[in-house]
């Protein structure tokens, strides 16, 4: 049972520490008690509710992030505030959040694999240039898509990321999807492509987007998919893609021939990368992201508020 003397001393020490910003050593010197006693009394003040620590923040998604991490066994979830679709560019906001996260976790010497897409294109545009990592390497995970918009091509994104971090990059000179399995085998047996894909499989970090259902996918706009492929994908229940591999709502790889013509690492290879960061959001992609999570392709998710709410509702 504490006495009024105990309480007075705890209040005095707490006031000096929290309101006057004195160090524990300053308090020790001023009051003539040892530093361990100061530390112990501060701890006791918290335990006995003399001191309550309250975090005030406009950022209110911490509980949702924690819930999603637990629901889908994710290392980290980052939710960006975004309610009014169309008012601002969601891809830009997601890219900025992903850039901030990448700068936080990347280490010199890391190998970073990169997919393609309009969301990933935003990441290098929002890097701060504060970190120079000369021993880091950026490498494509898959061949390129982007004849009409070259900036979304995996090679172009890799080049821009390497420039920002002052490091090197390796390029994959191949399309993401080729016309036949035979052509794919010829390409991946070429020593240059083979070496690039071997390096990609050794990535410490992967940056990937999640493609929307095929009817709204950028792959459809790219011209890589014809009417026959489109019909097959719809019949197979394709709900989205990662690294140009199509999967269904359960996250299972679709049994379609086009998946055998992709020049890149496989989704099984992707799962073996220690930290796969998925950057995706928006109403059109909500089901695609859910499928990617069910397939256990991602370790980290950067998404928006509405998509997070949808994922929580589906995970209960």
Protein backbone atom coordinates (compact mmCIF):
# COMPACT_ATOMS: atom_id res chain seq x y z
CA UNK A 1 0.00 0.00 0.00
CA UNK A 2 1.44 3.33 -1.02
CA UNK A 3 1.61 6.26 1.41
CA UNK A 4 1.06 9.91 0.56
CA UNK A 5 4.83 10.31 0.71
CA UNK A 6 5.29 7.61 -1.92
CA UNK A 7 2.65 9.19 -4.11
CA UNK A 8 4.12 12.68 -3.73
CA UNK A 9 7.57 11.43 -4.79
CA UNK A 10 6.18 9.54 -7.75
CA UNK A 11 4.17 12.58 -8.88
CA UNK A 12 7.20 14.83 -8.49
CA UNK A 13 9.47 12.49 -10.46
CA UNK A 14 6.85 11.91 -13.15
CA UNK A 15 6.31 15.65 -13.54
CA UNK A 16 10.05 16.26 -13.88
CA UNK A 17 10.45 13.42 -16.39
CA UNK A 18 7.39 13.89 -18.61
CA UNK A 19 6.61 17.61 -18.32
CA UNK A 20 10.02 19.14 -17.68
CA UNK A 21 11.80 16.67 -19.99
CA UNK A 22 14.57 15.97 -17.49
CA UNK A 23 16.56 12.76 -17.88
CA UNK A 24 16.50 10.09 -15.20
CA UNK A 25 20.07 11.04 -14.33
CA UNK A 26 19.09 14.73 -13.98
CA UNK A 27 16.30 13.74 -11.59
CA UNK A 28 18.65 11.48 -9.66
CA UNK A 29 21.15 14.31 -9.21
CA UNK A 30 18.50 16.86 -8.24
CA UNK A 31 16.62 14.69 -5.73
CA UNK A 32 19.62 12.83 -4.37
CA UNK A 33 18.29 9.37 -5.10
CA UNK A 34 19.87 6.72 -7.30
CA UNK A 35 19.00 6.41 -10.99
CA UNK A 36 17.64 2.85 -10.57
CA UNK A 37 15.23 4.16 -7.91
CA UNK A 38 14.07 6.90 -10.30
CA UNK A 39 13.48 4.30 -13.01
CA UNK A 40 11.62 2.03 -10.61
CA UNK A 41 9.36 4.85 -9.36
CA UNK A 42 8.54 5.92 -12.94
CA UNK A 43 7.56 2.34 -13.74
CA UNK A 44 5.46 2.15 -10.58
CA UNK A 45 3.75 5.46 -11.45
CA UNK A 46 2.62 3.92 -14.74
CA UNK A 47 1.51 0.66 -13.13
CA UNK A 48 -0.53 2.51 -10.47
CA UNK A 49 -2.13 4.83 -13.04
CA UNK A 50 -0.53 7.97 -11.68
CA UNK A 51 0.83 8.36 -15.21
CA UNK A 52 -1.24 7.43 -18.25
CA UNK A 53 0.44 7.51 -21.62
CA UNK A 54 -1.92 8.45 -24.44
CA UNK A 55 -0.92 8.52 -28.09
CA UNK A 56 -2.80 11.18 -30.05
CA UNK A 57 -2.70 10.74 -33.81
CA UNK A 58 -4.83 11.48 -36.84
CA UNK A 59 -3.56 8.15 -38.18
CA UNK A 60 -6.23 5.74 -37.00
CA UNK A 61 -5.45 2.53 -38.85
CA UNK A 62 -3.09 0.86 -36.38
CA UNK A 63 -5.75 -1.56 -35.11
CA UNK A 64 -6.81 -2.50 -38.64
CA UNK A 65 -3.21 -3.07 -39.68
CA UNK A 66 -2.63 -5.32 -36.69
CA UNK A 67 -5.83 -7.24 -37.41
CA UNK A 68 -4.91 -7.82 -41.06
CA UNK A 69 -1.41 -8.92 -40.08
CA UNK A 70 -2.91 -11.54 -37.80
CA UNK A 71 -5.68 -12.61 -40.21
CA UNK A 72 -3.41 -13.20 -43.18
CA UNK A 73 -0.14 -14.00 -41.41
CA UNK A 74 1.59 -10.89 -42.75
CA UNK A 75 4.79 -9.33 -41.51
CA UNK A 76 3.44 -5.80 -41.88
CA UNK A 77 0.42 -4.00 -43.31
CA UNK A 78 0.48 -0.33 -44.29
CA UNK A 79 -2.90 1.32 -44.84
CA UNK A 80 -3.03 4.67 -46.60
CA UNK A 81 -5.96 7.05 -46.01
CA UNK A 82 -8.08 7.07 -49.16
CA UNK A 83 -11.87 7.21 -49.24
CA UNK A 84 -12.86 9.39 -52.18
CA UNK A 85 -11.89 7.40 -55.25
CA UNK A 86 -11.03 9.64 -58.17
CA UNK A 87 -10.24 12.70 -56.05
CA UNK A 88 -6.54 11.88 -55.96
CA UNK A 89 -4.35 9.30 -57.61
CA UNK A 90 -4.44 6.23 -55.38
CA UNK A 91 -1.48 4.67 -57.18
CA UNK A 92 0.62 7.70 -56.35
CA UNK A 93 -0.32 7.50 -52.65
CA UNK A 94 0.43 3.77 -52.56
CA UNK A 95 3.74 4.33 -54.33
CA UNK A 96 4.73 6.98 -51.82
CA UNK A 97 3.94 4.68 -48.88
CA UNK A 98 5.83 1.81 -50.50
CA UNK A 99 8.83 4.06 -51.14
CA UNK A 100 8.90 5.09 -47.50
CA UNK A 101 8.70 1.45 -46.39
CA UNK A 102 11.43 0.38 -48.82
CA UNK A 103 13.78 3.08 -47.56
CA UNK A 104 13.14 1.90 -44.01
CA UNK A 105 13.92 -1.79 -44.52
CA UNK A 106 16.41 -2.03 -47.40
CA UNK A 107 20.04 -2.80 -46.52
CA UNK A 108 23.22 -2.33 -48.50
CA UNK A 109 23.95 -5.57 -50.31
CA UNK A 110 20.30 -6.58 -50.72
CA UNK A 111 19.07 -8.02 -53.99
CA UNK A 112 15.68 -6.48 -54.81
CA UNK A 113 13.44 -8.13 -57.39
CA UNK A 114 10.92 -5.94 -59.19
CA UNK A 115 7.80 -6.75 -61.20
CA UNK A 116 6.08 -4.24 -63.48
CA UNK A 117 3.06 -1.95 -63.51
CA UNK A 118 1.66 1.52 -63.05
CA UNK A 119 1.69 1.32 -59.23
CA UNK A 120 5.32 0.18 -59.03
CA UNK A 121 6.22 2.99 -61.42
CA UNK A 122 5.31 5.44 -58.64
CA UNK A 123 7.83 4.04 -56.13
CA UNK A 124 11.09 5.51 -57.52
CA UNK A 125 9.32 8.84 -58.07
CA UNK A 126 8.79 9.15 -54.31
CA UNK A 127 12.16 8.01 -53.00
CA UNK A 128 14.06 10.71 -51.11
CA UNK A 129 17.60 10.02 -52.41
CA UNK A 130 18.82 10.07 -48.80
CA UNK A 131 20.32 6.57 -48.89
CA UNK A 132 23.16 5.45 -51.14
CA UNK A 133 23.56 1.67 -51.23
CA UNK A 134 26.38 0.88 -53.68
CA UNK A 135 26.30 -2.87 -53.04
CA UNK A 136 22.57 -3.29 -53.63
CA UNK A 137 21.25 -4.76 -56.89
CA UNK A 138 17.83 -4.31 -58.51
CA UNK A 139 16.67 -7.02 -60.91
CA UNK A 140 13.44 -7.73 -62.83
CA UNK A 141 11.35 -10.67 -61.66
CA UNK A 142 9.63 -10.97 -65.02
CA UNK A 143 10.01 -9.76 -68.58
CA UNK A 144 8.59 -6.45 -69.66
CA UNK A 145 5.17 -5.23 -70.58
CA UNK A 146 4.87 -1.70 -71.80
CA UNK A 147 5.32 -1.10 -75.50
CA UNK A 148 2.92 1.82 -75.36
CA UNK A 149 3.88 2.96 -71.83
CA UNK A 150 7.52 2.00 -71.48
CA UNK A 151 7.73 3.53 -67.99
CA UNK A 152 5.76 0.61 -66.52
CA UNK A 153 8.23 -1.90 -68.02
CA UNK A 154 10.11 -3.88 -65.36
CA UNK A 155 13.49 -2.85 -66.79
CA UNK A 156 12.59 0.84 -66.68
CA UNK A 157 11.42 0.65 -63.06
CA UNK A 158 14.59 -1.24 -62.10
CA UNK A 159 16.76 1.43 -63.75
CA UNK A 160 14.99 4.25 -61.90
CA UNK A 161 15.24 2.48 -58.53
CA UNK A 162 18.95 1.83 -59.02
CA UNK A 163 19.54 5.48 -59.90
CA UNK A 164 17.79 6.59 -56.71
CA UNK A 165 19.86 4.31 -54.46
CA UNK A 166 23.13 4.85 -56.34
CA UNK A 167 23.54 1.15 -57.06
CA UNK A 168 23.55 -1.25 -59.97
CA UNK A 169 20.78 -3.02 -61.81
CA UNK A 170 20.60 -6.04 -64.08
CA UNK A 171 18.14 -6.02 -66.99
CA UNK A 172 16.05 -8.80 -68.52
CA UNK A 173 15.75 -8.28 -72.26
CA UNK A 174 12.62 -10.31 -72.89
CA UNK A 175 8.85 -9.82 -73.03
CA UNK A 176 6.72 -10.99 -70.13
CA UNK A 177 4.63 -13.28 -72.33
CA UNK A 178 5.81 -14.97 -75.52
CA UNK A 179 3.88 -16.69 -78.29
CA UNK A 180 4.75 -20.27 -77.43
CA UNK A 181 6.31 -22.49 -74.78
CA UNK A 182 9.06 -23.32 -77.28
CA UNK A 183 10.02 -19.65 -77.59
CA UNK A 184 10.01 -19.30 -73.81
CA UNK A 185 12.38 -22.27 -73.45
CA UNK A 186 14.76 -20.76 -75.98
CA UNK A 187 14.78 -17.42 -74.13
CA UNK A 188 15.30 -18.82 -70.63
CA UNK A 189 18.04 -21.15 -71.87
CA UNK A 190 19.99 -18.13 -73.15
CA UNK A 191 22.86 -17.52 -70.74
CA UNK A 192 22.05 -13.83 -70.16
CA UNK A 193 18.37 -14.41 -69.36
CA UNK A 194 19.22 -17.49 -67.33
CA UNK A 195 21.66 -15.53 -65.15
CA UNK A 196 19.16 -12.70 -64.60
CA UNK A 197 16.40 -15.08 -63.49
CA UNK A 198 18.81 -16.98 -61.23
CA UNK A 199 19.70 -13.68 -59.56
CA UNK A 200 15.99 -12.78 -59.28
CA UNK A 201 15.34 -16.03 -57.41
CA UNK A 202 17.98 -15.00 -54.87
CA UNK A 203 16.21 -11.72 -54.08
CA UNK A 204 16.03 -10.63 -50.45
CA UNK A 205 13.11 -8.31 -51.22
CA UNK A 206 10.49 -8.38 -53.97
CA UNK A 207 8.30 -5.48 -55.07
CA UNK A 208 5.15 -6.66 -56.81
CA UNK A 209 1.83 -5.25 -57.89
CA UNK A 210 -1.38 -7.22 -57.98
CA UNK A 211 -3.22 -7.17 -61.28
CA UNK A 212 -6.95 -6.56 -61.40
CA UNK A 213 -9.45 -9.07 -62.80
CA UNK A 214 -8.69 -9.64 -66.45
CA UNK A 215 -11.51 -7.45 -67.82
CA UNK A 216 -9.84 -4.34 -66.34
CA UNK A 217 -6.21 -5.51 -66.27
CA UNK A 218 -3.37 -3.53 -67.79
CA UNK A 219 -2.23 -6.77 -69.44
CA UNK A 220 -5.39 -6.71 -71.54
CA UNK A 221 -4.62 -3.14 -72.58
CA UNK A 222 -1.05 -4.12 -73.49
CA UNK A 223 -2.16 -6.31 -76.38
CA UNK A 224 -0.45 -9.44 -75.07
CA UNK A 225 -3.74 -11.28 -74.63
CA UNK A 226 -5.96 -12.25 -77.54
CA UNK A 227 -9.59 -13.30 -77.59
CA UNK A 228 -8.73 -16.98 -77.08
CA UNK A 229 -6.57 -16.29 -74.02
CA UNK A 230 -9.19 -13.92 -72.63
CA UNK A 231 -11.90 -16.58 -72.94
CA UNK A 232 -9.70 -19.24 -71.30
CA UNK A 233 -8.79 -16.96 -68.41
CA UNK A 234 -12.42 -16.11 -67.72
CA UNK A 235 -13.40 -19.78 -67.81
CA UNK A 236 -10.58 -20.67 -65.42
CA UNK A 237 -11.84 -18.17 -62.84
CA UNK A 238 -8.81 -15.88 -63.06
CA UNK A 239 -9.24 -13.12 -60.50
CA UNK A 240 -5.85 -11.42 -60.72
CA UNK A 241 -2.17 -11.82 -61.46
CA UNK A 242 1.23 -11.35 -59.87
CA UNK A 243 4.31 -11.21 -62.09
CA UNK A 244 1.92 -11.96 -65.00
CA UNK A 245 0.88 -15.34 -63.54
CA UNK A 246 -2.90 -15.62 -63.20
CA UNK A 247 -4.56 -17.07 -60.09
CA UNK A 248 -8.14 -17.71 -58.95
CA UNK A 249 -10.08 -16.46 -55.92
CA UNK A 250 -8.44 -19.13 -53.73
CA UNK A 251 -4.99 -17.96 -54.76
CA UNK A 252 -4.39 -21.09 -56.82
CA UNK A 253 -2.51 -20.81 -60.10
CA UNK A 254 -4.98 -21.05 -62.98
CA UNK A 255 -4.61 -24.05 -65.26
CA UNK A 256 -4.27 -22.00 -68.44
CA UNK A 257 -1.71 -22.27 -71.20
CA UNK A 258 -0.72 -18.60 -70.99
CA UNK A 259 0.80 -19.19 -67.54
CA UNK A 260 3.28 -21.54 -69.23
CA UNK A 261 4.45 -18.78 -71.58
CA UNK A 262 5.56 -16.27 -68.95
CA UNK A 263 9.25 -15.33 -68.95
CA UNK A 264 10.05 -14.80 -65.28
CA UNK A 265 10.37 -16.47 -61.92
CA UNK A 266 7.39 -18.62 -60.89
CA UNK A 267 5.00 -17.90 -58.04
CA UNK A 268 6.59 -20.79 -56.14
CA UNK A 269 9.92 -18.99 -56.58
CA UNK A 270 8.29 -15.79 -55.34
CA UNK A 271 7.07 -17.46 -52.14
CA UNK A 272 10.68 -18.37 -51.30
CA UNK A 273 11.82 -14.73 -51.31
CA UNK A 274 12.10 -13.61 -47.66
CA UNK A 275 10.10 -10.39 -47.99
CA UNK A 276 7.55 -9.95 -50.78
CA UNK A 277 5.96 -6.50 -50.69
CA UNK A 278 2.60 -6.24 -52.47
CA UNK A 279 1.50 -2.74 -53.41
CA UNK A 280 -2.11 -2.56 -54.58
CA UNK A 281 -5.46 -1.01 -53.79
CA UNK A 282 -8.73 0.25 -55.15
CA UNK A 283 -12.20 -1.21 -55.57
CA UNK A 284 -11.38 -3.05 -58.80
CA UNK A 285 -8.47 -4.92 -57.20
CA UNK A 286 -10.01 -5.85 -53.85
CA UNK A 287 -10.87 -9.42 -54.85
CA UNK A 288 -7.50 -9.81 -56.59
CA UNK A 289 -5.65 -8.79 -53.43
CA UNK A 290 -7.75 -11.21 -51.40
CA UNK A 291 -6.78 -14.02 -53.77
CA UNK A 292 -3.11 -13.07 -53.49
CA UNK A 293 -3.33 -13.20 -49.69
CA UNK A 294 -5.11 -16.55 -49.77
CA UNK A 295 -2.32 -17.83 -51.99
CA UNK A 296 0.28 -16.68 -49.43
CA UNK A 297 2.22 -14.76 -52.07
CA UNK A 298 2.76 -11.64 -49.94
CA UNK A 299 4.60 -10.90 -46.70
CA UNK A 300 3.88 -7.17 -46.61
CA UNK A 301 0.83 -5.35 -47.98
CA UNK A 302 0.52 -1.66 -48.83
CA UNK A 303 -3.11 -0.85 -49.54
CA UNK A 304 -5.90 1.69 -48.98
CA UNK A 305 -8.53 2.07 -46.28
CA UNK A 306 -11.51 0.72 -48.21
CA UNK A 307 -9.63 -2.31 -49.47
CA UNK A 308 -8.43 -3.00 -45.93
CA UNK A 309 -12.04 -2.96 -44.70
CA UNK A 310 -13.02 -5.42 -47.44
CA UNK A 311 -10.14 -7.76 -46.57
CA UNK A 312 -11.12 -7.67 -42.90
CA UNK A 313 -14.74 -8.50 -43.76
CA UNK A 314 -13.63 -11.47 -45.86
CA UNK A 315 -11.14 -12.75 -43.32
CA UNK A 316 -13.53 -13.10 -40.40
